[in-house]
Amino acid sequence: MRRRSGLSARLKLTLSYAAFLAVAGALLLAVVWAFILRYVPDNPKGLLGISPNRYLLVHTFAPAAAVAMGFLLLFGLLGGWFLAGRMLAPLTQITAAARMAGNGVLSHRIRMKGRQDEFRELSDAFDSMLEQLESHVAEQQRFAANASHELRTPLAISRTLLDVARQDTTREGDELIERLHTVNTRAIDLTEALLLLSRGDSGHFVREDVDLSLLAEEAAETLLPLAEQRRTTLDVIGGAARTRGSAELLLRMVTNLIQNAVVHNLPAGGTVTVHTEADGDSSVLRVENTGRRLPAELVATLTEPFQRGTERVRSDEHAGVGLGLAIVASIVRAHDGTLDLVPRPAGGLLVTVRLPGAP
């Protein structure tokens, strides 16, 4: 927004300092006049023999007072300009950093030195904002690059299959259709996951009372055939855990957690336990599964988009798109909750979701 040009902050402070100093000098002269000259006898003709007298003091004091006032005004302007520059120097650094950030340079940091004051506090807050903004932009760029790569793969496969089919007329059509259906299904699943992740990050949804225990039972019932196919025992225990949020998003969160626990279990057998409870002002959901031992450095990256642990066991039927736990983390953040992933000593993973309880 364009604005009319006005006085700079430094000039305003300079005029304020000079005006304050001039007013203080004028008050001092007024005090001298009021409490000193009033007690001196008046001798308007300046007759000798009466010394001191008001007439001589006024005519001697007035020019000196005028010179002193002029000196105070000049000193106030010069001193005020210098002091204002010193005081506003940190603000100049912050402004320069803000301009650089506006031009796309997010790696610059002010790192203002000196003792803590309002300007240093503003500088530290600005540096923290730049650090978070740079991290967020880098994450978005990495996410966009990964998403482009993941979407390009099924599209490239589809184009290759169509090219082969067009050149080879003897190829069976049913096999081609089946492979194209598989590839397109993966592309559709990835697109829906990206849209869901974006919706969770935006945080725009209608909040309502939701019971995590009911969502856990619904998700477990849906995934029971998958658990039976993999000979995995799926148990849902615990009590009511009420919170406020989007029932659709929270159901997807619970479903993703249970599905990951089942798919990333042992190739055959194992258990998955889903536990819900109310803990003070929070509602807690825990999903625990057996499986291979997971290193801590791998667990720390599982919530990043398109991160598939190489040591995690997955079947070809459930290759996934690498967004399951990323969507969970996004939904938890949108609901002002916390997500903790802890590897079990005996193998497997313990995931704990803590959300604010419903009032």
Protein backbone atom coordinates (compact mmCIF):
# COMPACT_ATOMS: atom_id res chain seq x y z
CA MET A 1 0.00 0.00 0.00
CA ARG A 2 1.41 3.35 -1.04
CA ARG A 3 1.50 6.10 1.60
CA ARG A 4 2.32 9.77 1.56
CA SER A 5 5.89 10.49 2.59
CA GLY A 6 6.33 11.94 6.06
CA LEU A 7 8.97 12.67 8.64
CA SER A 8 11.32 9.84 9.49
CA ALA A 9 11.31 8.32 12.96
CA ARG A 10 14.81 9.66 13.53
CA LEU A 11 13.78 13.21 12.67
CA LYS A 12 10.69 12.94 14.86
CA LEU A 13 12.79 11.76 17.79
CA THR A 14 15.32 14.54 17.13
CA LEU A 15 12.62 17.23 17.20
CA SER A 16 11.15 15.65 20.31
CA TYR A 17 14.52 15.68 22.10
CA ALA A 18 15.19 19.30 21.06
CA ALA A 19 11.70 20.44 22.04
CA PHE A 20 11.97 18.72 25.39
CA LEU A 21 15.35 20.33 26.05
CA ALA A 22 14.07 23.77 25.00
CA VAL A 23 11.00 23.47 27.23
CA ALA A 24 13.18 22.36 30.13
CA GLY A 25 15.46 25.39 29.58
CA ALA A 26 12.49 27.74 29.38
CA LEU A 27 11.08 26.35 32.62
CA LEU A 28 14.45 26.80 34.29
CA LEU A 29 14.58 30.44 33.20
CA ALA A 30 11.02 30.93 34.40
CA VAL A 31 12.00 29.53 37.79
CA VAL A 32 14.96 31.91 37.93
CA TRP A 33 12.71 34.82 37.07
CA ALA A 34 10.01 33.83 39.53
CA PHE A 35 12.14 33.02 42.57
CA ILE A 36 15.16 35.28 42.19
CA LEU A 37 14.34 38.47 40.29
CA ARG A 38 11.10 39.06 42.17
CA TYR A 39 13.05 39.66 45.38
CA VAL A 40 15.49 42.13 43.81
CA PRO A 41 14.44 45.81 44.15
CA ASP A 42 13.43 47.54 40.96
CA ASN A 43 15.44 50.53 39.66
CA PRO A 44 14.17 51.26 36.12
CA LYS A 45 16.45 54.31 35.70
CA GLY A 46 19.48 52.32 36.67
CA LEU A 47 20.49 54.77 39.45
CA LEU A 48 23.73 54.11 41.15
CA GLY A 49 23.84 53.30 44.77
CA ILE A 50 21.23 50.56 44.56
CA SER A 51 23.09 47.40 43.68
CA PRO A 52 22.01 44.88 42.66
CA ASN A 53 18.70 45.97 41.14
CA ARG A 54 16.15 44.28 38.89
CA TYR A 55 16.71 46.63 35.98
CA LEU A 56 20.38 45.76 35.67
CA LEU A 57 19.83 42.03 36.19
CA VAL A 58 17.07 41.83 33.56
CA HIS A 59 19.06 43.70 30.92
CA THR A 60 22.11 41.62 31.71
CA PHE A 61 20.28 38.31 32.09
CA ALA A 62 17.97 38.51 29.05
CA PRO A 63 20.68 38.42 26.32
CA ALA A 64 22.53 35.65 28.13
CA ALA A 65 19.28 33.71 28.51
CA ALA A 66 18.54 34.09 24.80
CA VAL A 67 22.02 32.82 23.92
CA ALA A 68 21.58 29.91 26.34
CA MET A 69 18.20 29.02 24.81
CA GLY A 70 19.69 29.08 21.32
CA PHE A 71 22.54 26.87 22.46
CA LEU A 72 20.10 24.44 24.13
CA LEU A 73 18.02 24.24 20.95
CA LEU A 74 21.06 23.61 18.75
CA PHE A 75 22.50 21.15 21.24
CA GLY A 76 19.14 19.40 21.43
CA LEU A 77 18.94 19.06 17.64
CA LEU A 78 22.48 17.77 17.22
CA GLY A 79 22.42 15.57 20.30
CA GLY A 80 18.93 14.32 19.51
CA TRP A 81 19.93 13.41 15.94
CA PHE A 82 22.94 11.47 17.23
CA LEU A 83 21.04 9.72 20.03
CA ALA A 84 18.11 8.88 17.76
CA GLY A 85 20.50 7.32 15.27
CA ARG A 86 22.09 5.24 17.99
CA MET A 87 18.74 4.16 19.36
CA LEU A 88 17.26 3.29 15.94
CA ALA A 89 20.33 1.45 14.62
CA PRO A 90 18.94 -1.97 15.67
CA LEU A 91 15.67 -1.16 13.92
CA THR A 92 17.62 -0.41 10.75
CA GLN A 93 19.21 -3.86 10.91
CA ILE A 94 15.80 -5.48 11.39
CA THR A 95 14.38 -3.52 8.45
CA ALA A 96 17.27 -4.60 6.22
CA ALA A 97 16.71 -8.23 7.22
CA ALA A 98 12.98 -7.91 6.52
CA ARG A 99 13.72 -6.54 3.03
CA MET A 100 16.07 -9.44 2.34
CA ALA A 101 13.41 -11.89 3.49
CA GLY A 102 10.89 -10.17 1.24
CA ASN A 103 13.27 -10.73 -1.68
CA GLY A 104 13.42 -14.44 -0.92
CA VAL A 105 16.64 -14.58 1.14
CA LEU A 106 15.60 -16.54 4.23
CA SER A 107 19.04 -17.72 5.33
CA HIS A 108 20.07 -14.29 6.67
CA ARG A 109 20.03 -13.82 10.46
CA ILE A 110 20.34 -10.57 12.41
CA ARG A 111 22.01 -12.05 15.52
CA MET A 112 21.99 -8.68 17.27
CA LYS A 113 24.61 -8.32 19.99
CA GLY A 114 24.32 -6.55 23.30
CA ARG A 115 22.19 -6.88 26.38
CA GLN A 116 18.55 -7.85 26.28
CA ASP A 117 16.10 -5.03 25.54
CA GLU A 118 13.05 -4.44 23.38
CA PHE A 119 15.04 -4.27 20.14
CA ARG A 120 17.05 -7.41 20.97
CA GLU A 121 13.84 -9.21 21.84
CA LEU A 122 12.32 -8.16 18.50
CA SER A 123 15.50 -9.22 16.71
CA ASP A 124 15.50 -12.66 18.35
CA ALA A 125 11.83 -13.13 17.53
CA PHE A 126 12.49 -12.13 13.92
CA ASP A 127 15.42 -14.56 13.67
CA SER A 128 13.25 -17.32 15.07
CA MET A 129 10.52 -16.50 12.56
CA LEU A 130 13.04 -16.59 9.69
CA GLU A 131 14.37 -19.94 10.88
CA GLN A 132 10.90 -21.46 11.02
CA LEU A 133 9.95 -19.91 7.69
CA GLU A 134 13.10 -21.22 6.02
CA SER A 135 12.48 -24.67 7.45
CA HIS A 136 8.86 -24.60 6.31
CA VAL A 137 9.77 -23.46 2.79
CA ALA A 138 12.47 -26.12 2.52
CA GLU A 139 10.00 -28.75 3.70
CA GLN A 140 7.42 -27.59 1.17
CA GLN A 141 9.98 -27.65 -1.64
CA ARG A 142 11.12 -31.12 -0.65
CA PHE A 143 7.51 -32.24 -0.40
CA ALA A 144 6.67 -30.81 -3.84
CA ALA A 145 9.70 -32.51 -5.38
CA ASN A 146 8.83 -35.84 -3.78
CA ALA A 147 5.16 -35.51 -4.78
CA SER A 148 6.13 -34.73 -8.37
CA HIS A 149 8.41 -37.75 -8.43
CA GLU A 150 5.79 -40.05 -6.93
CA LEU A 151 3.10 -38.87 -9.34
CA ARG A 152 5.40 -39.03 -12.33
CA THR A 153 6.22 -42.69 -11.73
CA PRO A 154 2.72 -44.18 -12.28
CA LEU A 155 2.06 -41.81 -15.17
CA ALA A 156 5.30 -42.86 -16.85
CA ILE A 157 4.43 -46.53 -16.33
CA SER A 158 0.99 -45.97 -17.85
CA ARG A 159 2.47 -44.27 -20.89
CA THR A 160 4.99 -47.10 -21.33
CA LEU A 161 2.26 -49.74 -21.14
CA LEU A 162 0.17 -47.89 -23.70
CA ASP A 163 3.14 -47.48 -26.03
CA VAL A 164 3.94 -51.19 -25.79
CA ALA A 165 0.31 -52.11 -26.40
CA ARG A 166 0.12 -49.85 -29.44
CA GLN A 167 3.24 -51.41 -30.96
CA ASP A 168 2.48 -55.01 -30.00
CA THR A 169 -0.96 -55.91 -31.32
CA THR A 170 -0.63 -59.53 -30.21
CA ARG A 171 -0.43 -58.62 -26.53
CA GLU A 172 -3.27 -59.77 -24.30
CA GLY A 173 -5.65 -56.89 -23.54
CA ASP A 174 -6.81 -58.23 -20.18
CA GLU A 175 -3.30 -58.19 -18.77
CA LEU A 176 -2.75 -54.63 -19.98
CA ILE A 177 -6.03 -53.46 -18.49
CA GLU A 178 -5.21 -55.07 -15.16
CA ARG A 179 -1.77 -53.44 -14.97
CA LEU A 180 -3.17 -50.06 -16.00
CA HIS A 181 -5.86 -50.40 -13.34
CA THR A 182 -3.23 -51.09 -10.68
CA VAL A 183 -1.06 -48.16 -11.73
CA ASN A 184 -3.99 -45.75 -11.96
CA THR A 185 -5.30 -46.88 -8.57
CA ARG A 186 -1.94 -46.05 -7.05
CA ALA A 187 -1.96 -42.61 -8.69
CA ILE A 188 -5.49 -41.95 -7.42
CA ASP A 189 -4.56 -43.07 -3.90
CA LEU A 190 -1.54 -40.78 -3.94
CA THR A 191 -3.62 -37.81 -5.16
CA GLU A 192 -6.25 -38.38 -2.47
CA ALA A 193 -3.53 -38.67 0.17
CA LEU A 194 -1.98 -35.39 -0.98
CA LEU A 195 -5.36 -33.65 -0.84
CA LEU A 196 -6.02 -35.05 2.63
CA LEU A 197 -2.57 -33.96 3.82
CA SER A 198 -3.20 -30.46 2.49
CA ARG A 199 -6.57 -30.34 4.22
CA GLY A 200 -5.04 -31.38 7.52
CA ASP A 201 -2.30 -28.75 7.24
CA SER A 202 -4.81 -25.98 6.50
CA GLY A 203 -6.77 -26.65 9.71
CA HIS A 204 -10.07 -25.49 8.18
CA PHE A 205 -12.77 -27.94 9.27
CA VAL A 206 -15.86 -28.08 11.44
CA ARG A 207 -15.22 -29.23 15.00
CA GLU A 208 -17.64 -31.52 16.80
CA ASP A 209 -17.62 -33.88 19.76
CA VAL A 210 -15.87 -37.13 18.80
CA ASP A 211 -15.18 -40.29 20.82
CA LEU A 212 -11.87 -41.85 19.83
CA SER A 213 -12.96 -45.23 21.21
CA LEU A 214 -15.84 -45.39 18.73
CA LEU A 215 -13.55 -44.39 15.87
CA ALA A 216 -11.06 -47.08 16.92
CA GLU A 217 -13.79 -49.75 16.87
CA GLU A 218 -15.00 -48.59 13.45
CA ALA A 219 -11.50 -48.57 11.98
CA ALA A 220 -10.69 -51.96 13.51
CA GLU A 221 -13.86 -53.46 12.06
CA THR A 222 -12.94 -52.14 8.61
CA LEU A 223 -9.38 -53.47 8.80
CA LEU A 224 -10.26 -56.81 10.41
CA PRO A 225 -10.17 -58.70 7.08
CA LEU A 226 -6.66 -57.37 6.44
CA ALA A 227 -5.57 -58.45 9.92
CA GLU A 228 -7.06 -61.91 9.44
CA GLN A 229 -5.36 -62.23 6.07
CA ARG A 230 -2.00 -61.51 7.71
CA ARG A 231 -2.91 -63.69 10.74
CA THR A 232 -2.57 -60.68 13.05
CA THR A 233 -4.54 -60.38 16.28
CA LEU A 234 -6.28 -57.00 16.46
CA ASP A 235 -7.58 -55.89 19.87
CA VAL A 236 -9.39 -52.66 20.80
CA ILE A 237 -9.47 -51.95 24.54
CA GLY A 238 -9.90 -49.02 26.90
CA GLY A 239 -12.65 -46.55 27.58
CA ALA A 240 -14.19 -43.43 26.13
CA ALA A 241 -11.85 -40.69 24.99
CA ARG A 242 -13.83 -37.63 23.94
CA THR A 243 -12.32 -34.75 22.01
CA ARG A 244 -13.42 -32.03 19.60
CA GLY A 245 -12.48 -32.09 15.95
CA SER A 246 -13.33 -33.42 12.53
CA ALA A 247 -14.78 -36.91 12.77
CA GLU A 248 -13.70 -37.65 9.19
CA LEU A 249 -10.10 -36.58 9.71
CA LEU A 250 -9.81 -38.29 13.09
CA LEU A 251 -11.21 -41.50 11.61
CA ARG A 252 -8.58 -41.34 8.87
CA MET A 253 -5.93 -40.78 11.55
CA VAL A 254 -7.01 -43.85 13.52
CA THR A 255 -7.38 -45.92 10.35
CA ASN A 256 -3.90 -45.02 9.13
CA LEU A 257 -2.37 -45.90 12.48
CA ILE A 258 -4.08 -49.28 12.70
CA GLN A 259 -3.37 -50.10 9.05
CA ASN A 260 0.31 -49.23 9.49
CA ALA A 261 0.45 -51.35 12.62
CA VAL A 262 -1.04 -54.33 10.78
CA VAL A 263 0.94 -53.98 7.55
CA HIS A 264 4.26 -53.30 9.28
CA ASN A 265 3.87 -56.29 11.57
CA LEU A 266 5.64 -59.58 11.19
CA PRO A 267 5.08 -61.32 7.84
CA ALA A 268 2.80 -63.78 9.63
CA GLY A 269 1.30 -63.49 13.09
CA GLY A 270 1.79 -60.80 15.65
CA THR A 271 -0.56 -58.56 17.57
CA VAL A 272 -1.91 -55.03 17.29
CA THR A 273 -3.41 -53.39 20.37
CA VAL A 274 -5.47 -50.19 20.21
CA HIS A 275 -6.08 -48.50 23.55
CA THR A 276 -8.13 -45.36 24.26
CA GLU A 277 -8.55 -43.52 27.54
CA ALA A 278 -9.22 -40.12 29.07
CA ASP A 279 -6.20 -38.80 30.94
CA GLY A 280 -7.09 -35.63 32.83
CA ASP A 281 -7.77 -32.88 30.30
CA SER A 282 -6.52 -35.03 27.42
CA SER A 283 -7.82 -37.91 25.34
CA VAL A 284 -5.22 -40.55 24.54
CA LEU A 285 -5.03 -43.07 21.71
CA ARG A 286 -2.28 -45.70 21.75
CA VAL A 287 -1.58 -48.11 18.90
CA GLU A 288 1.01 -50.78 19.65
CA ASN A 289 2.19 -53.56 17.39
CA THR A 290 4.76 -56.30 17.38
CA GLY A 291 7.38 -56.64 14.67
CA ARG A 292 11.04 -56.18 13.98
CA ARG A 293 13.20 -53.87 16.03
CA LEU A 294 13.34 -50.34 14.66
CA PRO A 295 16.34 -48.05 15.17
CA ALA A 296 15.59 -44.70 16.79
CA GLU A 297 17.00 -42.74 13.84
CA LEU A 298 14.53 -44.47 11.52
CA VAL A 299 11.56 -43.83 13.82
CA ALA A 300 12.38 -40.10 13.88
CA THR A 301 11.81 -39.88 10.10
CA LEU A 302 8.63 -41.94 9.79
CA THR A 303 6.30 -38.91 9.95
CA GLU A 304 8.05 -37.16 7.05
CA PRO A 305 6.24 -37.35 3.70
CA PHE A 306 7.29 -40.17 1.37
CA GLN A 307 9.54 -41.74 3.99
CA ARG A 308 9.32 -45.52 3.84
CA GLY A 309 11.55 -47.31 6.30
CA THR A 310 13.68 -49.86 4.47
CA GLU A 311 13.59 -52.14 7.48
CA ARG A 312 9.82 -52.15 7.66
CA VAL A 313 8.07 -55.14 6.14
CA ARG A 314 5.37 -54.40 3.55
CA SER A 315 3.64 -56.59 1.04
CA ASP A 316 3.10 -55.68 -2.58
CA GLU A 317 -0.62 -55.40 -1.97
CA HIS A 318 -0.08 -52.58 0.48
CA ALA A 319 2.92 -50.77 -0.91
CA GLY A 320 1.40 -47.48 0.17
CA VAL A 321 2.39 -44.01 -0.96
CA GLY A 322 4.58 -43.01 1.99
CA LEU A 323 2.07 -40.53 3.43
CA GLY A 324 0.29 -42.57 6.09
CA LEU A 325 2.09 -41.27 9.17
CA ALA A 326 2.62 -37.86 7.55
CA ILE A 327 -1.16 -37.52 7.30
CA VAL A 328 -1.48 -38.67 10.92
CA ALA A 329 1.01 -36.03 12.07
CA SER A 330 -0.77 -33.35 10.05
CA ILE A 331 -4.17 -34.22 11.53
CA VAL A 332 -2.76 -34.30 15.06
CA ARG A 333 -1.19 -30.84 14.61
CA ALA A 334 -4.45 -29.47 13.20
CA HIS A 335 -6.24 -30.70 16.34
CA ASP A 336 -3.65 -29.14 18.70
CA GLY A 337 -2.41 -32.53 19.81
CA THR A 338 0.90 -34.35 20.14
CA LEU A 339 2.21 -37.46 18.40
CA ASP A 340 4.90 -39.70 19.90
CA LEU A 341 6.52 -42.68 18.19
CA VAL A 342 8.60 -44.97 20.40
CA PRO A 343 10.24 -48.23 19.25
CA ARG A 344 9.43 -51.16 21.47
CA PRO A 345 12.46 -52.95 23.00
CA ALA A 346 11.09 -56.31 21.90
CA GLY A 347 10.33 -55.05 18.40
CA GLY A 348 7.52 -53.08 16.84
CA LEU A 349 6.29 -49.59 17.49
CA LEU A 350 4.22 -47.74 20.08
CA VAL A 351 2.36 -44.70 18.75
CA THR A 352 0.69 -42.34 21.23
CA VAL A 353 -1.70 -39.60 20.17
CA ARG A 354 -2.73 -37.08 22.82
CA LEU A 355 -5.54 -34.66 21.97
CA PRO A 356 -7.30 -32.01 24.06
CA GLY A 357 -10.29 -33.47 25.82
CA ALA A 358 -13.81 -32.30 25.06
CA PRO A 359 -15.05 -29.76 27.63
